[in-house]
Amino acid sequence: MWDFGRAELLEPEAIGEPGQRVFRLRVMGSGEAASLWLEKEQLAALTLAMRQLLEQAEGEDQAEEPEPVSASGPFPKEPEIDFKLGRLGIGYDERRRMVTIFAYAMDLEEDDPPTFACQVSLDQCETFAERAEQTINAGRPICILCGTAIEADGHKCQRRNGHSKLPITLE
């Protein structure tokens, strides 16, 4: 298992054109870098979990926030750690006000330990959630009726039996 300790950088990245994008988490810490490849839905779930955690932590007694850290240099083209995620998990240490992200490689069994872990502050979670929402929303719009992506050349909504040619507005 790779334990980065306190992450200097945690950011989402989308590579490619909408409809053909691949997603990853870029993590830097302790002089190392990691590319954790994931699905858009996993990124959305991690973002939602962080938002919920931030909302819960808002009402807590405000302990001193850990000192911010800054990434040391640009993200490398070939990071030391590079794998596709199967599962993600998060934990929260109320005393330290730190979030731990646990990443499990694609081929792990249910009870195997995580492949990767890092800690981030609540401020880093807030920044990450904002960037992740921007990254997710930069893709194809989602149909409000069936939940699938609306392609540039049209959408045959399953909830409308695919027969309606009327556009579905997102407003």
N, C-alpha and C. Protein backbone atom coordinates (compact mmCIF):
# COMPACT_ATOMS: atom_id res chain seq x y z
N MET A 1 0.84 -1.18 0.00
CA MET A 1 0.00 0.00 0.00
C MET A 1 0.88 1.25 0.00
N TRP A 2 0.45 2.23 -0.78
CA TRP A 2 1.13 3.52 -0.79
C TRP A 2 0.37 4.45 0.15
N ASP A 3 1.04 4.98 1.14
CA ASP A 3 0.44 5.96 2.03
C ASP A 3 1.19 7.26 1.84
N PHE A 4 0.55 8.20 1.17
CA PHE A 4 1.18 9.49 0.88
C PHE A 4 1.27 10.38 2.10
N GLY A 5 0.52 10.08 3.13
CA GLY A 5 0.44 11.02 4.23
C GLY A 5 -0.35 12.24 3.76
N ARG A 6 0.09 13.41 4.14
CA ARG A 6 -0.60 14.65 3.75
C ARG A 6 -0.33 14.96 2.28
N ALA A 7 -1.40 15.05 1.50
CA ALA A 7 -1.27 15.37 0.08
C ALA A 7 -1.05 16.87 -0.10
N GLU A 8 -0.12 17.20 -0.96
CA GLU A 8 0.12 18.60 -1.31
C GLU A 8 -0.86 19.04 -2.39
N LEU A 9 -1.25 18.09 -3.24
CA LEU A 9 -2.13 18.38 -4.37
C LEU A 9 -3.12 17.24 -4.52
N LEU A 10 -4.40 17.59 -4.66
CA LEU A 10 -5.44 16.63 -5.01
C LEU A 10 -6.36 17.37 -5.97
N GLU A 11 -6.36 16.93 -7.23
CA GLU A 11 -7.22 17.61 -8.19
C GLU A 11 -7.74 16.63 -9.22
N PRO A 12 -8.96 16.90 -9.70
CA PRO A 12 -9.54 16.07 -10.75
C PRO A 12 -9.06 16.55 -12.12
N GLU A 13 -9.05 15.63 -13.06
CA GLU A 13 -8.67 15.99 -14.43
C GLU A 13 -9.49 15.16 -15.39
N ALA A 14 -9.97 15.81 -16.45
CA ALA A 14 -10.66 15.12 -17.54
C ALA A 14 -9.80 15.30 -18.79
N ILE A 15 -9.58 14.21 -19.49
CA ILE A 15 -8.75 14.23 -20.70
C ILE A 15 -9.61 13.77 -21.87
N GLY A 16 -9.66 14.57 -22.93
CA GLY A 16 -10.40 14.20 -24.12
C GLY A 16 -11.63 15.07 -24.32
N GLU A 17 -12.37 14.74 -25.35
CA GLU A 17 -13.59 15.47 -25.72
C GLU A 17 -14.79 14.88 -24.98
N PRO A 18 -15.81 15.72 -24.67
CA PRO A 18 -17.01 15.18 -24.02
C PRO A 18 -17.57 13.98 -24.79
N GLY A 19 -17.90 12.96 -24.05
CA GLY A 19 -18.36 11.71 -24.63
C GLY A 19 -17.24 10.70 -24.80
N GLN A 20 -16.00 11.19 -24.82
CA GLN A 20 -14.82 10.33 -24.97
C GLN A 20 -13.80 10.60 -23.87
N ARG A 21 -14.21 11.29 -22.82
CA ARG A 21 -13.26 11.69 -21.78
C ARG A 21 -12.90 10.54 -20.86
N VAL A 22 -11.69 10.61 -20.34
CA VAL A 22 -11.25 9.73 -19.26
C VAL A 22 -10.91 10.65 -18.08
N PHE A 23 -11.07 10.12 -16.89
CA PHE A 23 -10.91 10.93 -15.68
C PHE A 23 -9.84 10.35 -14.79
N ARG A 24 -9.17 11.25 -14.07
CA ARG A 24 -8.20 10.80 -13.08
C ARG A 24 -8.12 11.80 -11.94
N LEU A 25 -7.64 11.29 -10.82
CA LEU A 25 -7.27 12.14 -9.70
C LEU A 25 -5.76 12.29 -9.77
N ARG A 26 -5.30 13.51 -9.71
CA ARG A 26 -3.86 13.77 -9.65
C ARG A 26 -3.52 14.09 -8.21
N VAL A 27 -2.58 13.33 -7.65
CA VAL A 27 -2.20 13.50 -6.26
C VAL A 27 -0.69 13.66 -6.18
N MET A 28 -0.25 14.64 -5.40
CA MET A 28 1.18 14.82 -5.14
C MET A 28 1.38 14.93 -3.65
N GLY A 29 2.45 14.31 -3.18
CA GLY A 29 2.78 14.39 -1.77
C GLY A 29 4.10 13.71 -1.50
N SER A 30 4.83 14.21 -0.55
CA SER A 30 6.11 13.63 -0.14
C SER A 30 7.06 13.40 -1.31
N GLY A 31 7.04 14.28 -2.29
CA GLY A 31 7.93 14.16 -3.43
C GLY A 31 7.51 13.10 -4.44
N GLU A 32 6.33 12.50 -4.26
CA GLU A 32 5.83 11.49 -5.19
C GLU A 32 4.55 11.98 -5.84
N ALA A 33 4.17 11.34 -6.94
CA ALA A 33 2.95 11.69 -7.64
C ALA A 33 2.17 10.42 -7.97
N ALA A 34 0.84 10.57 -8.03
CA ALA A 34 -0.02 9.42 -8.34
C ALA A 34 -1.11 9.84 -9.31
N SER A 35 -1.38 8.98 -10.30
CA SER A 35 -2.52 9.11 -11.19
C SER A 35 -3.48 8.00 -10.85
N LEU A 36 -4.66 8.35 -10.37
CA LEU A 36 -5.67 7.38 -10.01
C LEU A 36 -6.82 7.53 -11.00
N TRP A 37 -6.91 6.60 -11.95
CA TRP A 37 -7.89 6.67 -13.02
C TRP A 37 -9.23 6.17 -12.51
N LEU A 38 -10.31 6.89 -12.85
CA LEU A 38 -11.62 6.53 -12.35
C LEU A 38 -12.70 6.90 -13.35
N GLU A 39 -13.90 6.44 -13.08
CA GLU A 39 -15.06 6.74 -13.92
C GLU A 39 -15.66 8.07 -13.48
N LYS A 40 -16.38 8.71 -14.39
CA LYS A 40 -17.04 9.98 -14.08
C LYS A 40 -17.98 9.81 -12.88
N GLU A 41 -18.68 8.69 -12.81
CA GLU A 41 -19.61 8.43 -11.72
C GLU A 41 -18.87 8.32 -10.38
N GLN A 42 -17.67 7.74 -10.40
CA GLN A 42 -16.87 7.65 -9.18
C GLN A 42 -16.43 9.04 -8.72
N LEU A 43 -16.05 9.88 -9.68
CA LEU A 43 -15.67 11.25 -9.35
C LEU A 43 -16.86 12.00 -8.76
N ALA A 44 -18.03 11.81 -9.34
CA ALA A 44 -19.24 12.46 -8.83
C ALA A 44 -19.57 11.96 -7.42
N ALA A 45 -19.42 10.66 -7.18
CA ALA A 45 -19.71 10.10 -5.85
C ALA A 45 -18.72 10.61 -4.81
N LEU A 46 -17.44 10.71 -5.16
CA LEU A 46 -16.44 11.25 -4.24
C LEU A 46 -16.74 12.71 -3.92
N THR A 47 -17.14 13.47 -4.92
CA THR A 47 -17.48 14.88 -4.73
C THR A 47 -18.68 15.02 -3.81
N LEU A 48 -19.70 14.20 -4.02
CA LEU A 48 -20.89 14.24 -3.17
C LEU A 48 -20.54 13.87 -1.73
N ALA A 49 -19.71 12.84 -1.54
CA ALA A 49 -19.30 12.43 -0.20
C ALA A 49 -18.54 13.56 0.50
N MET A 50 -17.67 14.23 -0.24
CA MET A 50 -16.91 15.35 0.34
C MET A 50 -17.84 16.50 0.71
N ARG A 51 -18.80 16.80 -0.15
CA ARG A 51 -19.76 17.88 0.14
C ARG A 51 -20.56 17.56 1.40
N GLN A 52 -21.00 16.31 1.54
CA GLN A 52 -21.75 15.91 2.73
C GLN A 52 -20.88 16.01 3.98
N LEU A 53 -19.64 15.57 3.87
CA LEU A 53 -18.73 15.65 5.00
C LEU A 53 -18.48 17.10 5.39
N LEU A 54 -18.29 17.97 4.40
CA LEU A 54 -18.07 19.39 4.68
C LEU A 54 -19.28 20.01 5.38
N GLU A 55 -20.46 19.60 4.96
CA GLU A 55 -21.68 20.11 5.58
C GLU A 55 -21.77 19.66 7.04
N GLN A 56 -21.43 18.41 7.32
CA GLN A 56 -21.46 17.90 8.69
C GLN A 56 -20.39 18.57 9.55
N ALA A 57 -19.22 18.79 8.99
CA ALA A 57 -18.11 19.38 9.74
C ALA A 57 -18.35 20.85 10.03
N GLU A 58 -19.23 21.49 9.27
CA GLU A 58 -19.50 22.91 9.44
C GLU A 58 -20.01 23.24 10.84
N GLY A 59 -20.80 22.34 11.43
CA GLY A 59 -21.38 22.60 12.73
C GLY A 59 -20.48 22.22 13.90
N GLU A 60 -19.35 21.62 13.64
CA GLU A 60 -18.45 21.18 14.71
C GLU A 60 -17.71 22.36 15.32
N ASP A 61 -17.21 22.13 16.53
CA ASP A 61 -16.33 23.13 17.12
C ASP A 61 -15.14 23.30 16.19
N GLN A 62 -14.78 24.52 15.92
CA GLN A 62 -13.71 24.79 14.97
C GLN A 62 -12.34 24.61 15.62
N ALA A 63 -11.78 23.45 15.40
CA ALA A 63 -10.39 23.23 15.81
C ALA A 63 -9.51 23.97 14.83
N GLU A 64 -8.27 24.09 15.15
CA GLU A 64 -7.36 24.79 14.25
C GLU A 64 -7.17 23.99 12.98
N GLU A 65 -7.40 24.63 11.84
CA GLU A 65 -7.23 23.99 10.54
C GLU A 65 -5.75 23.73 10.30
N PRO A 66 -5.40 22.54 9.78
CA PRO A 66 -3.99 22.26 9.50
C PRO A 66 -3.40 23.29 8.53
N GLU A 67 -2.12 23.53 8.68
CA GLU A 67 -1.43 24.47 7.80
C GLU A 67 -1.56 24.02 6.34
N PRO A 68 -1.87 24.95 5.43
CA PRO A 68 -1.93 24.56 4.02
C PRO A 68 -0.54 24.20 3.51
N VAL A 69 -0.53 23.29 2.56
CA VAL A 69 0.72 22.92 1.91
C VAL A 69 0.57 23.23 0.43
N SER A 70 1.67 23.45 -0.23
CA SER A 70 1.59 23.74 -1.66
C SER A 70 2.39 22.69 -2.42
N ALA A 71 1.90 22.37 -3.60
CA ALA A 71 2.54 21.36 -4.43
C ALA A 71 3.93 21.82 -4.84
N SER A 72 4.85 20.88 -4.83
CA SER A 72 6.22 21.21 -5.18
C SER A 72 6.48 20.90 -6.65
N GLY A 73 6.19 21.85 -7.50
CA GLY A 73 6.46 21.70 -8.93
C GLY A 73 5.28 21.16 -9.71
N PRO A 74 5.44 21.08 -11.04
CA PRO A 74 4.36 20.60 -11.90
C PRO A 74 4.15 19.09 -11.76
N PHE A 75 2.97 18.64 -12.16
CA PHE A 75 2.67 17.22 -12.10
C PHE A 75 3.49 16.50 -13.18
N PRO A 76 4.16 15.42 -12.82
CA PRO A 76 5.03 14.73 -13.78
C PRO A 76 4.24 13.98 -14.86
N LYS A 77 4.86 13.81 -16.02
CA LYS A 77 4.22 13.07 -17.12
C LYS A 77 4.07 11.60 -16.79
N GLU A 78 5.02 11.06 -16.04
CA GLU A 78 4.97 9.64 -15.65
C GLU A 78 5.07 9.54 -14.12
N PRO A 79 3.91 9.59 -13.44
CA PRO A 79 3.94 9.52 -11.98
C PRO A 79 4.38 8.14 -11.50
N GLU A 80 4.89 8.10 -10.28
CA GLU A 80 5.37 6.85 -9.69
C GLU A 80 4.24 5.84 -9.52
N ILE A 81 3.04 6.32 -9.22
CA ILE A 81 1.88 5.47 -8.97
C ILE A 81 0.86 5.77 -10.05
N ASP A 82 0.36 4.73 -10.71
CA ASP A 82 -0.56 4.91 -11.83
C ASP A 82 -1.42 3.65 -11.93
N PHE A 83 -2.69 3.74 -11.53
CA PHE A 83 -3.56 2.58 -11.63
C PHE A 83 -5.03 2.99 -11.75
N LYS A 84 -5.85 2.05 -12.20
CA LYS A 84 -7.29 2.25 -12.35
C LYS A 84 -8.00 1.85 -11.07
N LEU A 85 -8.88 2.73 -10.61
CA LEU A 85 -9.61 2.49 -9.36
C LEU A 85 -10.75 1.50 -9.55
N GLY A 86 -10.92 0.68 -8.54
CA GLY A 86 -12.10 -0.16 -8.46
C GLY A 86 -13.10 0.47 -7.50
N ARG A 87 -12.59 0.87 -6.32
CA ARG A 87 -13.43 1.46 -5.29
C ARG A 87 -12.70 2.62 -4.63
N LEU A 88 -13.49 3.49 -4.03
CA LEU A 88 -12.98 4.63 -3.26
C LEU A 88 -13.69 4.66 -1.91
N GLY A 89 -13.01 5.18 -0.92
CA GLY A 89 -13.62 5.40 0.38
C GLY A 89 -12.99 6.62 1.02
N ILE A 90 -13.71 7.22 1.98
CA ILE A 90 -13.14 8.34 2.72
C ILE A 90 -13.41 8.13 4.20
N GLY A 91 -12.53 8.71 5.01
CA GLY A 91 -12.69 8.71 6.45
C GLY A 91 -12.40 10.11 6.96
N TYR A 92 -12.89 10.41 8.15
CA TYR A 92 -12.70 11.75 8.70
C TYR A 92 -12.22 11.68 10.13
N ASP A 93 -11.15 12.39 10.42
CA ASP A 93 -10.59 12.49 11.77
C ASP A 93 -11.04 13.84 12.33
N GLU A 94 -12.06 13.81 13.21
CA GLU A 94 -12.62 15.05 13.75
C GLU A 94 -11.60 15.86 14.54
N ARG A 95 -10.76 15.18 15.30
CA ARG A 95 -9.78 15.88 16.13
C ARG A 95 -8.81 16.68 15.27
N ARG A 96 -8.30 16.06 14.22
CA ARG A 96 -7.32 16.72 13.35
C ARG A 96 -7.99 17.49 12.21
N ARG A 97 -9.29 17.27 12.00
CA ARG A 97 -10.04 17.87 10.89
C ARG A 97 -9.39 17.56 9.55
N MET A 98 -9.05 16.29 9.40
CA MET A 98 -8.42 15.81 8.16
C MET A 98 -9.27 14.68 7.56
N VAL A 99 -9.31 14.64 6.25
CA VAL A 99 -10.02 13.60 5.51
C VAL A 99 -8.99 12.65 4.92
N THR A 100 -9.24 11.36 5.05
CA THR A 100 -8.39 10.36 4.42
C THR A 100 -9.13 9.76 3.24
N ILE A 101 -8.47 9.71 2.11
CA ILE A 101 -9.03 9.09 0.91
C ILE A 101 -8.36 7.74 0.74
N PHE A 102 -9.18 6.71 0.62
CA PHE A 102 -8.70 5.35 0.41
C PHE A 102 -9.06 4.93 -1.01
N ALA A 103 -8.07 4.48 -1.77
CA ALA A 103 -8.28 4.04 -3.15
C ALA A 103 -7.90 2.57 -3.27
N TYR A 104 -8.77 1.83 -3.92
CA TYR A 104 -8.57 0.39 -4.10
C TYR A 104 -8.42 0.10 -5.60
N ALA A 105 -7.38 -0.61 -5.97
CA ALA A 105 -7.15 -0.95 -7.37
C ALA A 105 -8.29 -1.83 -7.88
N MET A 106 -8.44 -1.86 -9.17
CA MET A 106 -9.54 -2.55 -9.84
C MET A 106 -9.60 -4.04 -9.48
N ASP A 107 -8.48 -4.71 -9.36
CA ASP A 107 -8.46 -6.16 -9.23
C ASP A 107 -8.44 -6.67 -7.78
N LEU A 108 -8.71 -5.81 -6.80
CA LEU A 108 -8.66 -6.23 -5.40
C LEU A 108 -9.94 -6.93 -4.98
N GLU A 109 -9.79 -7.84 -4.01
CA GLU A 109 -10.95 -8.50 -3.41
C GLU A 109 -11.59 -7.55 -2.41
N GLU A 110 -12.81 -7.87 -2.00
CA GLU A 110 -13.59 -7.03 -1.11
C GLU A 110 -12.88 -6.72 0.21
N ASP A 111 -12.18 -7.69 0.80
CA ASP A 111 -11.57 -7.48 2.11
C ASP A 111 -10.07 -7.15 2.05
N ASP A 112 -9.54 -6.89 0.86
CA ASP A 112 -8.14 -6.49 0.72
C ASP A 112 -7.95 -5.06 1.24
N PRO A 113 -6.76 -4.74 1.77
CA PRO A 113 -6.51 -3.37 2.21
C PRO A 113 -6.42 -2.42 1.01
N PRO A 114 -6.56 -1.11 1.26
CA PRO A 114 -6.49 -0.16 0.14
C PRO A 114 -5.11 -0.17 -0.52
N THR A 115 -5.10 0.17 -1.79
CA THR A 115 -3.87 0.26 -2.57
C THR A 115 -3.15 1.58 -2.29
N PHE A 116 -3.93 2.61 -1.97
CA PHE A 116 -3.40 3.97 -1.85
C PHE A 116 -4.21 4.73 -0.80
N ALA A 117 -3.54 5.60 -0.06
CA ALA A 117 -4.23 6.48 0.89
C ALA A 117 -3.50 7.81 0.97
N CYS A 118 -4.26 8.88 1.19
CA CYS A 118 -3.67 10.20 1.42
C CYS A 118 -4.62 10.99 2.31
N GLN A 119 -4.09 12.02 2.96
CA GLN A 119 -4.90 12.88 3.81
C GLN A 119 -4.94 14.28 3.22
N VAL A 120 -6.12 14.89 3.34
CA VAL A 120 -6.32 16.27 2.87
C VAL A 120 -7.11 17.04 3.92
N SER A 121 -6.93 18.34 3.94
CA SER A 121 -7.66 19.20 4.88
C SER A 121 -9.06 19.47 4.36
N LEU A 122 -9.90 20.03 5.21
CA LEU A 122 -11.25 20.40 4.79
C LEU A 122 -11.21 21.48 3.70
N ASP A 123 -10.26 22.40 3.81
CA ASP A 123 -10.11 23.43 2.77
C ASP A 123 -9.76 22.79 1.42
N GLN A 124 -8.88 21.78 1.45
CA GLN A 124 -8.53 21.08 0.21
C GLN A 124 -9.75 20.35 -0.35
N CYS A 125 -10.58 19.79 0.53
CA CYS A 125 -11.80 19.12 0.09
C CYS A 125 -12.75 20.09 -0.60
N GLU A 126 -12.88 21.28 -0.03
CA GLU A 126 -13.74 22.31 -0.62
C GLU A 126 -13.25 22.69 -2.02
N THR A 127 -11.96 22.94 -2.14
CA THR A 127 -11.38 23.29 -3.44
C THR A 127 -11.54 22.14 -4.43
N PHE A 128 -11.28 20.90 -3.97
CA PHE A 128 -11.42 19.74 -4.83
C PHE A 128 -12.86 19.61 -5.32
N ALA A 129 -13.84 19.74 -4.42
CA ALA A 129 -15.24 19.58 -4.79
C ALA A 129 -15.65 20.61 -5.84
N GLU A 130 -15.21 21.85 -5.68
CA GLU A 130 -15.53 22.89 -6.67
C GLU A 130 -14.95 22.54 -8.04
N ARG A 131 -13.69 22.13 -8.07
CA ARG A 131 -13.05 21.77 -9.35
C ARG A 131 -13.67 20.53 -9.96
N ALA A 132 -14.02 19.56 -9.12
CA ALA A 132 -14.63 18.33 -9.63
C ALA A 132 -16.00 18.63 -10.24
N GLU A 133 -16.78 19.48 -9.61
CA GLU A 133 -18.09 19.84 -10.16
C GLU A 133 -17.92 20.55 -11.50
N GLN A 134 -16.95 21.42 -11.62
CA GLN A 134 -16.69 22.09 -12.90
C GLN A 134 -16.28 21.07 -13.96
N THR A 135 -15.42 20.12 -13.58
CA THR A 135 -14.95 19.10 -14.51
C THR A 135 -16.11 18.24 -14.99
N ILE A 136 -16.95 17.80 -14.07
CA ILE A 136 -18.09 16.95 -14.43
C ILE A 136 -19.06 17.71 -15.31
N ASN A 137 -19.37 18.95 -14.97
CA ASN A 137 -20.34 19.74 -15.71
C ASN A 137 -19.84 20.20 -17.08
N ALA A 138 -18.55 20.09 -17.34
CA ALA A 138 -18.00 20.50 -18.63
C ALA A 138 -18.28 19.46 -19.71
N GLY A 139 -18.83 18.33 -19.35
CA GLY A 139 -19.13 17.26 -20.30
C GLY A 139 -20.50 17.43 -20.92
N ARG A 140 -21.01 16.33 -21.44
CA ARG A 140 -22.33 16.34 -22.06
C ARG A 140 -23.40 16.55 -21.00
N PRO A 141 -24.46 17.28 -21.35
CA PRO A 141 -25.56 17.44 -20.39
C PRO A 141 -26.26 16.10 -20.17
N ILE A 142 -26.91 15.98 -19.01
CA ILE A 142 -27.61 14.77 -18.65
C ILE A 142 -29.11 14.99 -18.82
N CYS A 143 -29.81 14.03 -19.41
CA CYS A 143 -31.25 14.08 -19.58
C CYS A 143 -31.91 14.00 -18.20
N ILE A 144 -32.80 14.93 -17.91
CA ILE A 144 -33.45 14.94 -16.60
C ILE A 144 -34.49 13.84 -16.45
N LEU A 145 -34.90 13.24 -17.55
CA LEU A 145 -35.89 12.17 -17.48
C LEU A 145 -35.27 10.79 -17.32
N CYS A 146 -34.25 10.48 -18.12
CA CYS A 146 -33.70 9.12 -18.09
C CYS A 146 -32.30 9.04 -17.47
N GLY A 147 -31.64 10.19 -17.26
CA GLY A 147 -30.34 10.19 -16.60
C GLY A 147 -29.17 9.83 -17.49
N THR A 148 -29.37 9.66 -18.78
CA THR A 148 -28.25 9.37 -19.67
C THR A 148 -27.79 10.65 -20.36
N ALA A 149 -26.61 10.59 -20.93
CA ALA A 149 -26.02 11.77 -21.57
C ALA A 149 -26.76 12.12 -22.85
N ILE A 150 -26.87 13.43 -23.09
CA ILE A 150 -27.47 13.93 -24.32
C ILE A 150 -26.35 14.19 -25.30
N GLU A 151 -26.37 13.46 -26.41
CA GLU A 151 -25.34 13.59 -27.43
C GLU A 151 -25.53 14.88 -28.23
N ALA A 152 -24.49 15.33 -28.90
CA ALA A 152 -24.56 16.55 -29.71
C ALA A 152 -25.53 16.40 -30.88
N ASP A 153 -25.67 15.17 -31.39
CA ASP A 153 -26.55 14.94 -32.54
C ASP A 153 -27.97 14.54 -32.14
N GLY A 154 -28.33 14.69 -30.88
CA GLY A 154 -29.69 14.39 -30.42
C GLY A 154 -29.72 13.36 -29.32
N HIS A 155 -30.93 13.08 -28.86
CA HIS A 155 -31.10 12.17 -27.73
C HIS A 155 -32.40 11.40 -27.89
N LYS A 156 -32.32 10.10 -27.86
CA LYS A 156 -33.53 9.27 -27.88
C LYS A 156 -33.77 8.79 -26.45
N CYS A 157 -34.63 9.53 -25.78
CA CYS A 157 -34.88 9.27 -24.36
C CYS A 157 -35.67 7.99 -24.17
N GLN A 158 -35.16 7.10 -23.35
CA GLN A 158 -35.84 5.85 -23.06
C GLN A 158 -37.17 6.09 -22.35
N ARG A 159 -37.24 7.10 -21.53
CA ARG A 159 -38.48 7.40 -20.81
C ARG A 159 -39.55 7.90 -21.76
N ARG A 160 -39.16 8.40 -22.91
CA ARG A 160 -40.12 8.83 -23.93
C ARG A 160 -40.18 7.81 -25.05
N ASN A 161 -39.68 6.60 -24.78
CA ASN A 161 -39.66 5.51 -25.75
C ASN A 161 -38.85 5.82 -27.00
N GLY A 162 -38.05 6.85 -26.95
CA GLY A 162 -37.17 7.18 -28.06
C GLY A 162 -37.88 7.75 -29.26
N HIS A 163 -39.17 8.04 -29.13
CA HIS A 163 -39.94 8.50 -30.28
C HIS A 163 -40.01 10.01 -30.41
N SER A 164 -39.91 10.72 -29.33
CA SER A 164 -40.06 12.16 -29.39
C SER A 164 -38.79 12.81 -29.91
N LYS A 165 -38.94 13.68 -30.88
CA LYS A 165 -37.82 14.44 -31.42
C LYS A 165 -37.71 15.81 -30.77
N LEU A 166 -38.63 16.12 -29.83
CA LEU A 166 -38.58 17.40 -29.17
C LEU A 166 -37.37 17.46 -28.25
N PRO A 167 -36.72 18.58 -28.21
CA PRO A 167 -35.56 18.70 -27.33
C PRO A 167 -36.02 18.69 -25.87
N ILE A 168 -35.14 18.20 -25.03
CA ILE A 168 -35.40 18.21 -23.59
C ILE A 168 -34.59 19.34 -23.01
N THR A 169 -35.27 20.31 -22.44
CA THR A 169 -34.55 21.45 -21.87
C THR A 169 -34.06 21.10 -20.48
N LEU A 170 -32.95 21.67 -20.10
CA LEU A 170 -32.35 21.38 -18.81
C LEU A 170 -32.72 22.44 -17.78
N GLU A 171 -33.58 23.36 -18.10
CA GLU A 171 -33.94 24.45 -17.19
C GLU A 171 -35.12 24.10 -16.35
